[in-house]
C-alpha atoms as a PDB file:
ATOM      1  CA  PRO A   1      34.194 -41.734 -34.769  1.00  0.00           C
ATOM      2  CA  PRO A   2      34.678 -39.558 -31.643  1.00  0.00           C
ATOM      3  CA  ARG A   3      32.416 -41.758 -29.688  1.00  0.00           C
ATOM      4  CA  HIS A   4      34.681 -44.734 -30.279  1.00  0.00           C
ATOM      5  CA  GLY A   5      37.851 -42.546 -29.300  1.00  0.00           C
ATOM      6  CA  ALA A   6      36.116 -41.823 -25.981  1.00  0.00           C
ATOM      7  CA  LEU A   7      35.408 -45.394 -25.351  1.00  0.00           C
ATOM      8  CA  ARG A   8      38.999 -46.316 -26.018  1.00  0.00           C
ATOM      9  CA  GLY A   9      40.113 -43.693 -23.620  1.00  0.00           C
ATOM     10  CA  LEU A  10      37.776 -45.040 -21.028  1.00  0.00           C
ATOM     11  CA  LEU A  11      39.373 -48.383 -21.552  1.00  0.00           C
ATOM     12  CA  LEU A  12      42.828 -47.164 -21.264  1.00  0.00           C
ATOM     13  CA  LEU A  13      41.916 -45.321 -18.057  1.00  0.00           C
ATOM     14  CA  CYS A  14      40.468 -48.509 -16.414  1.00  0.00           C
ATOM     15  CA  LEU A  15      43.829 -50.351 -17.418  1.00  0.00           C
ATOM     16  CA  TRP A  16      45.753 -47.544 -15.986  1.00  0.00           C
ATOM     17  CA  LEU A  17      43.740 -47.585 -12.818  1.00  0.00           C
ATOM     18  CA  ALA A  18      44.234 -51.355 -12.376  1.00  0.00           C
ATOM     19  CA  SER A  19      48.027 -51.081 -12.810  1.00  0.00           C
ATOM     20  CA  GLY A  20      48.148 -48.173 -10.377  1.00  0.00           C
ATOM     21  CA  ARG A  21      46.311 -50.095  -7.711  1.00  0.00           C
ATOM     22  CA  ALA A  22      48.664 -53.068  -8.214  1.00  0.00           C
ATOM     23  CA  ALA A  23      51.719 -50.903  -7.804  1.00  0.00           C
ATOM     24  CA  LEU A  24      50.330 -49.011  -4.735  1.00  0.00           C
ATOM     25  CA  PRO A  25      52.216 -50.144  -1.520  1.00  0.00           C
ATOM     26  CA  PRO A  26      49.923 -51.592   0.963  1.00  0.00           C
ATOM     27  CA  ALA A  27      50.748 -48.969   3.377  1.00  0.00           C
ATOM     28  CA  ALA A  28      50.199 -45.921   1.220  1.00  0.00           C
ATOM     29  CA  PRO A  29      48.493 -43.025   2.995  1.00  0.00           C
ATOM     30  CA  LEU A  30      44.692 -42.991   2.882  1.00  0.00           C
ATOM     31  CA  SER A  31      44.901 -39.398   1.637  1.00  0.00           C
ATOM     32  CA  GLU A  32      46.964 -40.452  -1.455  1.00  0.00           C
ATOM     33  CA  LEU A  33      44.376 -43.132  -2.308  1.00  0.00           C
ATOM     34  CA  HIS A  34      41.616 -40.493  -1.982  1.00  0.00           C
ATOM     35  CA  ALA A  35      43.609 -38.143  -4.276  1.00  0.00           C
ATOM     36  CA  GLN A  36      43.956 -40.881  -7.068  1.00  0.00           C
ATOM     37  CA  LEU A  37      40.250 -41.805  -6.696  1.00  0.00           C
ATOM     38  CA  SER A  38      39.276 -38.046  -7.046  1.00  0.00           C
ATOM     39  CA  GLY A  39      41.312 -37.695 -10.184  1.00  0.00           C
ATOM     40  CA  VAL A  40      39.858 -40.720 -11.733  1.00  0.00           C
ATOM     41  CA  GLU A  41      36.290 -39.495 -10.851  1.00  0.00           C
ATOM     42  CA  GLN A  42      37.102 -36.328 -12.689  1.00  0.00           C
ATOM     43  CA  LEU A  43      38.253 -38.072 -15.755  1.00  0.00           C
ATOM     44  CA  LEU A  44      35.321 -40.362 -15.728  1.00  0.00           C
ATOM     45  CA  GLU A  45      33.061 -37.388 -15.503  1.00  0.00           C
ATOM     46  CA  GLU A  46      34.680 -35.731 -18.544  1.00  0.00           C
ATOM     47  CA  PHE A  47      34.315 -39.005 -20.556  1.00  0.00           C
ATOM     48  CA  ARG A  48      30.571 -38.950 -19.462  1.00  0.00           C
ATOM     49  CA  ARG A  49      30.180 -35.329 -20.695  1.00  0.00           C
ATOM     50  CA  GLN A  50      31.903 -36.190 -24.082  1.00  0.00           C
ATOM     51  CA  LEU A  51      29.544 -39.200 -24.716  1.00  0.00           C
ATOM     52  CA  GLN A  52      26.543 -37.214 -23.865  1.00  0.00           C
ATOM     53  CA  GLN A  53      27.717 -34.469 -26.278  1.00  0.00           C
ATOM     54  CA  GLU A  54      28.506 -36.769 -29.061  1.00  0.00           C
ATOM     55  CA  ARG A  55      25.745 -39.362 -28.922  1.00  0.00           C
ATOM     56  CA  PRO A  56      22.988 -36.774 -29.509  1.00  0.00           C
ATOM     57  CA  GLN A  57      24.984 -35.368 -32.515  1.00  0.00           C
ATOM     58  CA  GLU A  58      25.313 -38.872 -34.056  1.00  0.00           C
ATOM     59  CA  GLU A  59      21.629 -39.701 -33.245  1.00  0.00           C
ATOM     60  CA  LEU A  60      20.525 -36.486 -34.893  1.00  0.00           C
ATOM     61  CA  GLU A  61      22.322 -37.023 -37.962  1.00  0.00           C
ATOM     62  CA  LEU A  62      20.859 -40.670 -38.100  1.00  0.00           C
ATOM     63  CA  GLU A  63      17.428 -39.228 -37.531  1.00  0.00           C
ATOM     64  CA  LEU A  64      17.675 -36.629 -40.285  1.00  0.00           C
ATOM     65  CA  ARG A  65      18.833 -39.318 -42.744  1.00  0.00           C
ATOM     66  CA  SER A  66      15.994 -41.522 -41.890  1.00  0.00           C
ATOM     67  CA  GLY A  67      13.453 -38.916 -42.282  1.00  0.00           C
ATOM     68  CA  GLY A  68      13.336 -37.238 -38.895  1.00  0.00           C
ATOM     69  CA  SER A  69       9.999 -37.007 -36.912  1.00  0.00           C
ATOM     70  CA  PRO A  70       6.692 -38.139 -38.356  1.00  0.00           C
ATOM     71  CA  GLN A  71       5.858 -36.272 -41.630  1.00  0.00           C
ATOM     72  CA  GLU A  72       3.090 -33.685 -41.825  1.00  0.00           C
ATOM     73  CA  ASP A  73       1.620 -32.363 -44.904  1.00  0.00           C
ATOM     74  CA  CYS A  74       3.391 -29.549 -46.436  1.00  0.00           C
ATOM     75  CA  PRO A  75       1.462 -26.032 -46.149  1.00  0.00           C
ATOM     76  CA  GLY A  76       0.564 -24.466 -49.267  1.00  0.00           C
ATOM     77  CA  PRO A  77       0.491 -25.824 -52.797  1.00  0.00           C
ATOM     78  CA  GLY A  78       4.129 -27.113 -52.891  1.00  0.00           C
ATOM     79  CA  GLY A  79       3.105 -30.750 -52.070  1.00  0.00           C
ATOM     80  CA  GLY A  80       4.933 -33.376 -50.095  1.00  0.00           C
ATOM     81  CA  GLY A  81       5.575 -33.347 -46.367  1.00  0.00           C
ATOM     82  CA  TYR A  82       8.018 -31.983 -43.784  1.00  0.00           C
ATOM     83  CA  SER A  83       9.347 -33.198 -40.409  1.00  0.00           C
ATOM     84  CA  ALA A  84       9.994 -30.785 -37.642  1.00  0.00           C
ATOM     85  CA  MET A  85      13.302 -30.649 -35.577  1.00  0.00           C
ATOM     86  CA  PRO A  86      12.831 -28.476 -32.655  1.00  0.00           C
ATOM     87  CA  ASP A  87      16.001 -26.732 -31.057  1.00  0.00           C
ATOM     88  CA  VAL A  88      18.031 -27.710 -33.970  1.00  0.00           C
ATOM     89  CA  ILE A  89      20.115 -25.415 -36.341  1.00  0.00           C
ATOM     90  CA  ILE A  90      21.879 -25.987 -39.480  1.00  0.00           C
ATOM     91  CA  ARG A  91      25.801 -25.992 -39.461  1.00  0.00           C
ATOM     92  CA  THR A  92      25.943 -23.517 -42.353  1.00  0.00           C
ATOM     93  CA  LYS A  93      29.812 -23.619 -42.955  1.00  0.00           C
ATOM     94  CA  ASP A  94      30.049 -27.415 -42.919  1.00  0.00           C
ATOM     95  CA  SER A  95      26.885 -27.856 -44.966  1.00  0.00           C
ATOM     96  CA  LEU A  96      27.889 -25.373 -47.704  1.00  0.00           C
ATOM     97  CA  ALA A  97      31.277 -27.114 -47.736  1.00  0.00           C
ATOM     98  CA  ALA A  98      29.645 -30.396 -48.384  1.00  0.00           C
ATOM     99  CA  GLY A  99      27.679 -28.995 -51.419  1.00  0.00           C
ATOM    100  CA  ALA A 100      24.590 -27.475 -49.950  1.00  0.00           C
ATOM    101  CA  SER A 101      23.410 -23.998 -50.966  1.00  0.00           C
ATOM    102  CA  PHE A 102      21.679 -21.187 -49.364  1.00  0.00           C
ATOM    103  CA  LEU A 103      18.637 -19.962 -51.433  1.00  0.00           C
ATOM    104  CA  LEU A 104      17.027 -16.968 -49.817  1.00  0.00           C
ATOM    105  CA  ALA A 105      15.754 -15.363 -46.624  1.00  0.00           C
ATOM    106  CA  PRO A 106      12.089 -14.468 -47.115  1.00  0.00           C
ATOM    107  CA  ALA A 107      11.061 -11.223 -45.460  1.00  0.00           C
ATOM    108  CA  ALA A 108       8.236 -10.359 -42.973  1.00  0.00           C
ATOM    109  CA  VAL A 109       7.788 -14.089 -41.940  1.00  0.00           C
ATOM    110  CA  ARG A 110       5.523 -13.936 -38.753  1.00  0.00           C
ATOM    111  CA  GLY A 111       5.019 -17.643 -38.265  1.00  0.00           C
ATOM    112  CA  TRP A 112       6.987 -20.948 -38.653  1.00  0.00           C
ATOM    113  CA  ARG A 113       4.235 -22.258 -40.920  1.00  0.00           C
ATOM    114  CA  GLN A 114       4.757 -19.228 -43.174  1.00  0.00           C
ATOM    115  CA  CYS A 115       8.615 -20.160 -43.418  1.00  0.00           C
ATOM    116  CA  VAL A 116       7.827 -23.844 -44.249  1.00  0.00           C
ATOM    117  CA  ALA A 117       5.266 -22.707 -46.844  1.00  0.00           C
ATOM    118  CA  ALA A 118       7.936 -20.504 -48.469  1.00  0.00           C
ATOM    119  CA  CYS A 119      10.093 -23.632 -48.567  1.00  0.00           C
ATOM    120  CA  CYS A 120       7.360 -25.730 -50.145  1.00  0.00           C
ATOM    121  CA  SER A 121       6.869 -23.219 -52.909  1.00  0.00           C
ATOM    122  CA  GLU A 122      10.512 -23.030 -53.811  1.00  0.00           C
ATOM    123  CA  PRO A 123      11.301 -26.286 -55.863  1.00  0.00           C
ATOM    124  CA  ARG A 124      14.974 -26.325 -54.629  1.00  0.00           C
ATOM    125  CA  CYS A 125      14.316 -26.007 -51.045  1.00  0.00           C
ATOM    126  CA  SER A 126      14.709 -28.921 -48.721  1.00  0.00           C
ATOM    127  CA  VAL A 127      15.474 -27.443 -45.384  1.00  0.00           C
ATOM    128  CA  ALA A 128      13.800 -24.510 -43.773  1.00  0.00           C
ATOM    129  CA  VAL A 129      15.452 -22.958 -40.576  1.00  0.00           C
ATOM    130  CA  VAL A 130      13.406 -20.661 -38.229  1.00  0.00           C
ATOM    131  CA  GLU A 131      15.058 -18.268 -35.844  1.00  0.00           C
ATOM    132  CA  LEU A 132      12.541 -17.680 -33.048  1.00  0.00           C
ATOM    133  CA  PRO A 133      12.358 -14.213 -31.727  1.00  0.00           C
ATOM    134  CA  ARG A 134      13.894 -13.476 -28.237  1.00  0.00           C
ATOM    135  CA  ARG A 135      11.471 -13.248 -25.202  1.00  0.00           C
ATOM    136  CA  PRO A 136       9.667 -11.138 -24.460  1.00  0.00           C
ATOM    137  CA  SER A 137       8.384 -10.386 -28.033  1.00  0.00           C
ATOM    138  CA  PRO A 138       5.131  -9.030 -29.358  1.00  0.00           C
ATOM    139  CA  PRO A 139       2.631 -11.777 -30.518  1.00  0.00           C
ATOM    140  CA  ALA A 140       3.243 -10.848 -34.299  1.00  0.00           C
ATOM    141  CA  ALA A 141       6.979 -10.509 -34.084  1.00  0.00           C
ATOM    142  CA  VAL A 142       8.912 -11.135 -37.270  1.00  0.00           C
ATOM    143  CA  LEU A 143      10.818 -14.476 -37.456  1.00  0.00           C
ATOM    144  CA  GLY A 144      14.071 -15.222 -39.233  1.00  0.00           C
ATOM    145  CA  CYS A 145      13.445 -17.698 -41.925  1.00  0.00           C
ATOM    146  CA  TYR A 146      16.363 -19.236 -43.978  1.00  0.00           C
ATOM    147  CA  LEU A 147      15.980 -21.745 -46.877  1.00  0.00           C
ATOM    148  CA  PHE A 148      18.521 -24.198 -48.012  1.00  0.00           C
ATOM    149  CA  ASN A 149      19.033 -26.676 -50.747  1.00  0.00           C
ATOM    150  CA  CYS A 150      20.624 -29.571 -48.903  1.00  0.00           C
ATOM    151  CA  THR A 151      20.478 -32.075 -51.758  1.00  0.00           C
ATOM    152  CA  ALA A 152      23.806 -32.616 -53.596  1.00  0.00           C
ATOM    153  CA  ARG A 153      24.913 -35.698 -55.660  1.00  0.00           C
ATOM    154  CA  GLY A 154      21.532 -37.135 -54.951  1.00  0.00           C
ATOM    155  CA  ARG A 155      21.701 -37.297 -51.206  1.00  0.00           C
ATOM    156  CA  ASN A 156      21.374 -34.953 -48.119  1.00  0.00           C
ATOM    157  CA  VAL A 157      24.537 -33.347 -47.365  1.00  0.00           C
ATOM    158  CA  CYS A 158      23.532 -30.820 -44.606  1.00  0.00           C
ATOM    159  CA  LYS A 159      24.893 -30.937 -40.994  1.00  0.00           C
ATOM    160  CA  PHE A 160      22.895 -29.978 -37.964  1.00  0.00           C
ATOM    161  CA  ALA A 161      23.479 -29.318 -34.414  1.00  0.00           C
ATOM    162  CA  LEU A 162      21.353 -28.839 -31.295  1.00  0.00           C
ATOM    163  CA  HIS A 163      20.636 -25.182 -30.540  1.00  0.00           C
ATOM    164  CA  ARG A 164      17.874 -23.528 -28.615  1.00  0.00           C
ATOM    165  CA  GLY A 165      16.113 -20.691 -30.225  1.00  0.00           C
ATOM    166  CA  TYR A 166      16.015 -22.228 -33.689  1.00  0.00           C
ATOM    167  CA  SER A 167      13.886 -24.923 -35.297  1.00  0.00           C
ATOM    168  CA  SER A 168      14.536 -26.737 -38.583  1.00  0.00           C
ATOM    169  CA  TYR A 169      12.152 -28.361 -41.059  1.00  0.00           C
ATOM    170  CA  SER A 170      13.111 -30.976 -43.390  1.00  0.00           C
ATOM    171  CA  LEU A 171      11.142 -31.258 -46.495  1.00  0.00           C
ATOM    172  CA  SER A 172      10.368 -34.099 -48.759  1.00  0.00           C
ATOM    173  CA  ARG A 173       8.404 -33.849 -51.890  1.00  0.00           C
ATOM    174  CA  THR A 174       5.992 -36.234 -53.826  1.00  0.00           C
ATOM    175  CA  PRO A 175       6.612 -36.122 -57.485  1.00  0.00           C
ATOM    176  CA  ASP A 176       3.428 -34.329 -58.183  1.00  0.00           C
ATOM    177  CA  GLY A 177       4.184 -31.593 -55.526  1.00  0.00           C
ATOM    178  CA  ALA A 178       7.805 -31.159 -56.887  1.00  0.00           C
ATOM    179  CA  ALA A 179       6.244 -30.490 -60.422  1.00  0.00           C
ATOM    180  CA  LEU A 180       3.623 -28.193 -58.956  1.00  0.00           C
ATOM    181  CA  ALA A 181       6.213 -26.187 -56.895  1.00  0.00           C
ATOM    182  CA  THR A 182       8.420 -25.984 -60.187  1.00  0.00           C
ATOM    183  CA  ALA A 183       5.596 -24.716 -62.294  1.00  0.00           C
ATOM    184  CA  ARG A 184       4.618 -21.953 -59.656  1.00  0.00           C
ATOM    185  CA  ALA A 185       8.237 -20.822 -59.232  1.00  0.00           C
ATOM    186  CA  SER A 186       9.565 -21.106 -62.686  1.00  0.00           C
ATOM    187  CA  PRO A 187       8.594 -17.703 -63.774  1.00  0.00           C
ATOM    188  CA  GLY A 188      10.819 -16.173 -61.185  1.00  0.00           C
ATOM    189  CA  LEU A 189      13.712 -18.514 -61.242  1.00  0.00           C
ATOM    190  CA  GLU A 190      15.123 -17.054 -64.400  1.00  0.00           C
ATOM    191  CA  LYS A 191      15.056 -13.637 -63.026  1.00  0.00           C
ATOM    192  CA  ASP A 192      17.121 -12.238 -60.203  1.00  0.00           C
ATOM    193  CA  ALA A 193      17.241  -8.432 -60.313  1.00  0.00           C
ATOM    194  CA  PRO A 194      20.148  -6.716 -58.525  1.00  0.00           C
ATOM    195  CA  PRO A 195      19.203  -4.966 -55.126  1.00  0.00           C
ATOM    196  CA  LEU A 196      18.568  -1.191 -54.818  1.00  0.00           C
ATOM    197  CA  SER A 197      20.501   0.386 -51.966  1.00  0.00           C
ATOM    198  CA  LYS A 198      18.910   3.383 -50.198  1.00  0.00           C
ATOM    199  CA  ALA A 199      21.194   4.982 -47.653  1.00  0.00           C
ATOM    200  CA  GLY A 200      18.521   7.471 -46.611  1.00  0.00           C
ATOM    201  CA  GLN A 201      18.301  11.274 -46.923  1.00  0.00           C
ATOM    202  CA  ASP A 202      21.006  13.532 -46.167  1.00  0.00           C
ATOM    203  CA  VAL A 203      21.271  14.895 -42.560  1.00  0.00           C
ATOM    204  CA  VAL A 204      22.277  18.360 -41.175  1.00  0.00           C
ATOM    205  CA  LEU A 205      23.314  18.605 -37.346  1.00  0.00           C
ATOM    206  CA  HIS A 206      23.834  21.694 -35.344  1.00  0.00           C
ATOM    207  CA  LEU A 207      26.219  21.219 -32.486  1.00  0.00           C
ATOM    208  CA  PRO A 208      26.110  20.359 -29.639  1.00  0.00           C
ATOM    209  CA  THR A 209      24.274  17.556 -31.100  1.00  0.00           C
ATOM    210  CA  ASP A 210      26.954  15.164 -32.517  1.00  0.00           C
ATOM    211  CA  GLY A 211      25.151  12.010 -33.152  1.00  0.00           C
ATOM    212  CA  VAL A 212      22.566  10.478 -35.429  1.00  0.00           C
ATOM    213  CA  VAL A 213      21.311   7.028 -36.642  1.00  0.00           C
ATOM    214  CA  LEU A 214      21.380   6.451 -40.435  1.00  0.00           C
ATOM    215  CA  ASP A 215      18.902   3.902 -41.613  1.00  0.00           C
ATOM    216  CA  GLY A 216      19.434   1.929 -44.901  1.00  0.00           C
ATOM    217  CA  ARG A 217      16.481  -0.724 -44.236  1.00  0.00           C
ATOM    218  CA  GLU A 218      14.485   0.823 -47.094  1.00  0.00           C
ATOM    219  CA  SER A 219      16.782  -0.893 -49.631  1.00  0.00           C
ATOM    220  CA  THR A 220      14.983  -3.478 -51.616  1.00  0.00           C
ATOM    221  CA  ASP A 221      15.519  -6.644 -53.611  1.00  0.00           C
ATOM    222  CA  ASP A 222      13.113  -9.075 -55.414  1.00  0.00           C
ATOM    223  CA  HIS A 223      14.466 -11.932 -53.115  1.00  0.00           C
ATOM    224  CA  ALA A 224      16.102 -10.811 -49.987  1.00  0.00           C
ATOM    225  CA  ILE A 225      19.018  -8.661 -48.886  1.00  0.00           C
ATOM    226  CA  VAL A 226      21.593 -10.796 -46.948  1.00  0.00           C
ATOM    227  CA  GLN A 227      24.259  -8.182 -46.042  1.00  0.00           C
ATOM    228  CA  TYR A 228      24.578  -4.422 -45.251  1.00  0.00           C
ATOM    229  CA  GLU A 229      28.010  -2.758 -45.322  1.00  0.00           C
ATOM    230  CA  TRP A 230      28.586   0.904 -44.295  1.00  0.00           C
ATOM    231  CA  ALA A 231      31.840   2.753 -45.011  1.00  0.00           C
ATOM    232  CA  LEU A 232      33.259   6.155 -44.426  1.00  0.00           C
ATOM    233  CA  LEU A 233      34.211   7.936 -47.779  1.00  0.00           C
ATOM    234  CA  GLN A 234      34.707  11.419 -46.509  1.00  0.00           C
ATOM    235  CA  GLY A 235      35.130  13.198 -43.045  1.00  0.00           C
ATOM    236  CA  ASP A 236      36.958  12.992 -39.702  1.00  0.00           C
ATOM    237  CA  PRO A 237      37.946   9.262 -39.345  1.00  0.00           C
ATOM    238  CA  SER A 238      37.724   9.544 -35.542  1.00  0.00           C
ATOM    239  CA  VAL A 239      33.915   9.402 -35.774  1.00  0.00           C
ATOM    240  CA  ASP A 240      32.455   6.696 -33.801  1.00  0.00           C
ATOM    241  CA  MET A 241      30.538   4.117 -35.953  1.00  0.00           C
ATOM    242  CA  LYS A 242      28.521   1.324 -34.660  1.00  0.00           C
ATOM    243  CA  VAL A 243      25.864  -0.982 -36.060  1.00  0.00           C
ATOM    244  CA  PRO A 244      23.021  -1.401 -33.517  1.00  0.00           C
ATOM    245  CA  GLN A 245      21.000  -3.589 -35.976  1.00  0.00           C
ATOM    246  CA  SER A 246      21.398  -4.822 -39.458  1.00  0.00           C
ATOM    247  CA  GLY A 247      20.881  -2.003 -42.013  1.00  0.00           C
ATOM    248  CA  THR A 248      21.500   0.860 -39.554  1.00  0.00           C
ATOM    249  CA  LEU A 249      24.641   2.895 -38.519  1.00  0.00           C
ATOM    250  CA  LYS A 250      24.859   4.713 -35.163  1.00  0.00           C
ATOM    251  CA  LEU A 251      27.272   7.706 -35.381  1.00  0.00           C
ATOM    252  CA  SER A 252      28.511   9.670 -32.519  1.00  0.00           C
ATOM    253  CA  HIS A 253      31.372  12.153 -31.768  1.00  0.00           C
ATOM    254  CA  LEU A 254      30.744  13.908 -34.939  1.00  0.00           C
ATOM    255  CA  GLN A 255      32.983  17.098 -35.534  1.00  0.00           C
ATOM    256  CA  GLU A 256      32.091  20.208 -37.425  1.00  0.00           C
ATOM    257  CA  GLY A 257      32.280  19.547 -41.254  1.00  0.00           C
ATOM    258  CA  THR A 258      30.793  17.193 -43.900  1.00  0.00           C
ATOM    259  CA  TYR A 259      30.827  13.451 -43.746  1.00  0.00           C
ATOM    260  CA  THR A 260      29.871  11.011 -46.663  1.00  0.00           C
ATOM    261  CA  PHE A 261      29.005   7.563 -45.852  1.00  0.00           C
ATOM    262  CA  GLN A 262      28.299   4.676 -48.384  1.00  0.00           C
ATOM    263  CA  LEU A 263      25.900   1.843 -48.048  1.00  0.00           C
ATOM    264  CA  THR A 264      26.440  -1.270 -49.973  1.00  0.00           C
ATOM    265  CA  VAL A 265      23.851  -4.087 -49.938  1.00  0.00           C
ATOM    266  CA  MET A 266      24.246  -7.618 -51.215  1.00  0.00           C
ATOM    267  CA  ASP A 267      21.383  -9.992 -52.109  1.00  0.00           C
ATOM    268  CA  THR A 268      21.033 -13.847 -52.160  1.00  0.00           C
ATOM    269  CA  ALA A 269      22.831 -14.155 -55.605  1.00  0.00           C
ATOM    270  CA  GLY A 270      25.828 -12.079 -54.538  1.00  0.00           C
ATOM    271  CA  GLN A 271      24.698  -8.893 -56.350  1.00  0.00           C
ATOM    272  CA  ARG A 272      25.555  -5.617 -54.894  1.00  0.00           C
ATOM    273  CA  SER A 273      24.276  -1.967 -54.986  1.00  0.00           C
ATOM    274  CA  SER A 274      25.633   1.158 -53.304  1.00  0.00           C
ATOM    275  CA  ASP A 275      24.187   4.426 -52.225  1.00  0.00           C
ATOM    276  CA  ASN A 276      25.756   7.583 -50.417  1.00  0.00           C
ATOM    277  CA  VAL A 277      24.414   9.793 -47.814  1.00  0.00           C
ATOM    278  CA  SER A 278      26.057  12.911 -46.315  1.00  0.00           C
ATOM    279  CA  VAL A 279      25.913  14.318 -42.804  1.00  0.00           C
ATOM    280  CA  THR A 280      26.792  17.992 -42.438  1.00  0.00           C
ATOM    281  CA  VAL A 281      27.599  19.128 -38.805  1.00  0.00           C
ATOM    282  CA  LEU A 282      27.258  22.895 -38.386  1.00  0.00           C
ATOM    283  CA  ARG A 283      28.859  25.108 -35.556  1.00  0.00           C
ATOM    284  CA  ALA A 284      26.273  26.096 -32.801  1.00  0.00           C
ATOM    285  CA  ALA A 285      26.180  29.694 -33.712  1.00  0.00           C
ATOM    286  CA  TYR A 286      24.684  28.897 -37.059  1.00  0.00           C
ATOM    287  CA  SER A 287      20.990  28.668 -37.221  1.00  0.00           C
ATOM    288  CA  THR A 288      18.496  27.814 -39.960  1.00  0.00           C
ATOM    289  CA  GLY A 289      15.635  29.761 -38.202  1.00  0.00           C
ATOM    290  CA  ASP A 290      13.538  26.725 -37.504  1.00  0.00           C
ATOM    291  CA  GLY A 291      15.153  25.724 -34.282  1.00  0.00           C
ATOM    292  CA  CYS A 292      15.929  22.199 -35.271  1.00  0.00           C
ATOM    293  CA  SER A 293      19.126  20.448 -34.241  1.00  0.00           C
ATOM    294  CA  ILE A 294      18.774  17.523 -36.631  1.00  0.00           C
ATOM    295  CA  CYS A 295      17.448  18.309 -40.034  1.00  0.00           C
ATOM    296  CA  ILE A 296      16.494  15.640 -42.706  1.00  0.00           C
ATOM    297  CA  CYS A 297      16.933  17.240 -45.950  1.00  0.00           C
ATOM    298  CA  SER A 298      17.553  16.690 -49.689  1.00  0.00           C
ATOM    299  CA  LYS A 299      21.014  16.582 -51.072  1.00  0.00           C
ATOM    300  CA  ARG A 300      20.669  19.880 -52.520  1.00  0.00           C
ATOM    301  CA  GLU A 301      19.529  21.596 -49.384  1.00  0.00           C
ATOM    302  CA  ALA A 302      22.397  19.832 -47.477  1.00  0.00           C
ATOM    303  CA  LYS A 303      24.891  21.311 -50.052  1.00  0.00           C
ATOM    304  CA  GLU A 304      23.436  24.737 -49.524  1.00  0.00           C
ATOM    305  CA  PHE A 305      23.759  24.424 -45.746  1.00  0.00           C
ATOM    306  CA  SER A 306      27.339  23.552 -46.062  1.00  0.00           C
ATOM    307  CA  GLU A 307      28.341  26.223 -48.483  1.00  0.00           C
ATOM    308  CA  THR A 308      26.649  29.105 -46.362  1.00  0.00           C
ATOM    309  CA  SER A 309      27.906  27.906 -42.890  1.00  0.00           C
END
């Protein structure tokens, strides 16, 4: 294990120090001795840091395998209990490689208990990870909630790491609780409809206005949308495209002409859906008579604007 490697390195360091002192001439300059001691202190400090980093990780894994902190009753009708692990996040890549699976990310979660309750009601869920909002945040801020099935081949395979801003909750079920959760969730387990992508209504801009934000967060899914992807299908490729937050696309430096952007969303089952939105940029001399510089309109109205400009 890494900890044993660090201890072996420390032992070799001590042997090297002893041999170095034996070979040092009695009349060695005091400055040279101080330099050697300073280097040794730096190495010892590095070993100390390694041990401090590795030991909590090992203790954390042992704690999770033994059941973690004291169990509390599972909120809601899912039964069983859960143990809280503050400042702990799942190591997603390592856990999935070991056989764990991501289940879903419930939307509009406004408290850690709501996230744990969602895990309790999902019969396959064994770990709920809560991403806490950044401070300052409103009292009813939405939390990130991610549910995982950490059981594979009859054992817990998930890996964890210390990380502030996250809390993990490990769930254990009683036989009755597992049966109840399965009974409640079984009607929806067989169904997983594909998502519905909504890129938003078409937009008409009038120069000098050369920027707009597209919003695809009205896209829907019966479980959760886990990925938004924007792509330019038509228009000047020099347009500046940035994603300020998931589901949105900020455009700037638009030129006169028509642009077509495609939004593709993916749900927890890997199903995809796409929708297109157009942005028409008109020269400054053109006016619709209403004085607007950014107009949200239907696809038919946007086409009429582009044809008459």
